[in-house]
C-alpha atoms as a PDB file:
ATOM      1  CA  UNK A   1     128.900  44.720 133.615  1.00  0.00           C
ATOM      2  CA  UNK A   2     129.408  45.955 130.025  1.00  0.00           C
ATOM      3  CA  UNK A   3     132.807  47.368 129.222  1.00  0.00           C
ATOM      4  CA  UNK A   4     131.636  49.968 126.711  1.00  0.00           C
ATOM      5  CA  UNK A   5     131.837  53.687 127.412  1.00  0.00           C
ATOM      6  CA  UNK A   6     128.254  54.520 126.587  1.00  0.00           C
ATOM      7  CA  UNK A   7     125.946  53.994 129.543  1.00  0.00           C
ATOM      8  CA  UNK A   8     122.618  52.274 129.098  1.00  0.00           C
ATOM      9  CA  UNK A   9     120.132  54.671 127.522  1.00  0.00           C
ATOM     10  CA  UNK A  10     117.310  55.846 129.785  1.00  0.00           C
ATOM     11  CA  UNK A  11     113.692  54.921 129.139  1.00  0.00           C
ATOM     12  CA  UNK A  12     112.530  57.099 126.254  1.00  0.00           C
ATOM     13  CA  UNK A  13     108.967  55.854 126.055  1.00  0.00           C
ATOM     14  CA  UNK A  14     106.737  58.937 125.767  1.00  0.00           C
ATOM     15  CA  UNK A  15     104.119  59.467 128.445  1.00  0.00           C
ATOM     16  CA  UNK A  16     100.858  60.945 127.225  1.00  0.00           C
ATOM     17  CA  UNK A  17      99.372  63.676 129.410  1.00  0.00           C
ATOM     18  CA  UNK A  18      96.041  65.295 128.617  1.00  0.00           C
ATOM     19  CA  UNK A  19      95.379  68.819 129.894  1.00  0.00           C
ATOM     20  CA  UNK A  20      92.747  71.485 129.437  1.00  0.00           C
ATOM     21  CA  UNK A  21      93.912  75.063 128.954  1.00  0.00           C
ATOM     22  CA  UNK A  22      91.962  78.304 129.032  1.00  0.00           C
ATOM     23  CA  UNK A  23      91.062  79.799 125.630  1.00  0.00           C
ATOM     24  CA  UNK A  24      93.542  82.667 126.084  1.00  0.00           C
ATOM     25  CA  UNK A  25      96.420  80.229 126.600  1.00  0.00           C
ATOM     26  CA  UNK A  26      95.349  78.209 123.569  1.00  0.00           C
ATOM     27  CA  UNK A  27      95.458  81.348 121.422  1.00  0.00           C
ATOM     28  CA  UNK A  28      98.875  82.263 122.865  1.00  0.00           C
ATOM     29  CA  UNK A  29     100.205  78.775 122.083  1.00  0.00           C
ATOM     30  CA  UNK A  30      98.948  78.983 118.506  1.00  0.00           C
ATOM     31  CA  UNK A  31     100.548  82.428 118.180  1.00  0.00           C
ATOM     32  CA  UNK A  32     103.805  81.029 119.549  1.00  0.00           C
ATOM     33  CA  UNK A  33     103.724  78.279 116.929  1.00  0.00           C
ATOM     34  CA  UNK A  34     103.361  80.951 114.243  1.00  0.00           C
ATOM     35  CA  UNK A  35     106.274  82.955 115.643  1.00  0.00           C
ATOM     36  CA  UNK A  36     108.304  79.733 115.763  1.00  0.00           C
ATOM     37  CA  UNK A  37     107.487  79.044 112.113  1.00  0.00           C
ATOM     38  CA  UNK A  38     108.452  82.617 111.153  1.00  0.00           C
ATOM     39  CA  UNK A  39     111.712  82.317 113.096  1.00  0.00           C
ATOM     40  CA  UNK A  40     112.837  78.918 111.843  1.00  0.00           C
ATOM     41  CA  UNK A  41     110.987  78.533 108.561  1.00  0.00           C
ATOM     42  CA  UNK A  42     109.522  75.265 109.792  1.00  0.00           C
ATOM     43  CA  UNK A  43     105.965  74.731 110.975  1.00  0.00           C
ATOM     44  CA  UNK A  44     105.549  72.638 114.117  1.00  0.00           C
ATOM     45  CA  UNK A  45     102.227  71.808 115.739  1.00  0.00           C
ATOM     46  CA  UNK A  46     101.617  73.201 119.204  1.00  0.00           C
ATOM     47  CA  UNK A  47     101.516  69.683 120.613  1.00  0.00           C
ATOM     48  CA  UNK A  48     105.143  69.201 119.490  1.00  0.00           C
ATOM     49  CA  UNK A  49     106.302  72.537 120.917  1.00  0.00           C
ATOM     50  CA  UNK A  50     104.780  72.177 124.394  1.00  0.00           C
ATOM     51  CA  UNK A  51     107.201  69.502 125.697  1.00  0.00           C
ATOM     52  CA  UNK A  52     110.200  71.618 124.692  1.00  0.00           C
ATOM     53  CA  UNK A  53     108.622  74.707 126.234  1.00  0.00           C
ATOM     54  CA  UNK A  54     107.971  72.873 129.520  1.00  0.00           C
ATOM     55  CA  UNK A  55     111.478  71.416 129.593  1.00  0.00           C
ATOM     56  CA  UNK A  56     112.976  74.857 128.994  1.00  0.00           C
ATOM     57  CA  UNK A  57     110.847  76.342 131.751  1.00  0.00           C
ATOM     58  CA  UNK A  58     111.888  73.681 134.259  1.00  0.00           C
ATOM     59  CA  UNK A  59     115.568  73.861 133.293  1.00  0.00           C
ATOM     60  CA  UNK A  60     115.481  77.650 133.672  1.00  0.00           C
ATOM     61  CA  UNK A  61     113.989  77.564 137.174  1.00  0.00           C
ATOM     62  CA  UNK A  62     117.170  77.642 139.276  1.00  0.00           C
ATOM     63  CA  UNK A  63     115.346  77.051 142.573  1.00  0.00           C
ATOM     64  CA  UNK A  64     113.623  73.979 141.152  1.00  0.00           C
ATOM     65  CA  UNK A  65     116.883  72.633 139.712  1.00  0.00           C
ATOM     66  CA  UNK A  66     118.653  73.051 143.058  1.00  0.00           C
ATOM     67  CA  UNK A  67     115.803  71.549 145.117  1.00  0.00           C
ATOM     68  CA  UNK A  68     115.399  68.652 142.702  1.00  0.00           C
ATOM     69  CA  UNK A  69     119.107  67.863 143.033  1.00  0.00           C
ATOM     70  CA  UNK A  70     118.745  67.976 146.843  1.00  0.00           C
ATOM     71  CA  UNK A  71     115.794  65.572 146.679  1.00  0.00           C
ATOM     72  CA  UNK A  72     117.768  63.125 144.543  1.00  0.00           C
ATOM     73  CA  UNK A  73     120.751  63.260 146.919  1.00  0.00           C
ATOM     74  CA  UNK A  74     118.677  62.145 149.893  1.00  0.00           C
END
């Protein structure tokens, strides 16, 4: 067993997921990217924003966080 403090890094290999979204959601995502660019002065493509948006949604869902922890403890 290594004696260093830093634990082994988790797998960081991206997983590609393809989805289809309704036209209204596509427009909203493009609008969000524009608001993001206005807010931070940096343009990011929608495809780069979606993972952060999904992660934020999941982290903010307290019921999901609690139930996920319960599932892992089993």
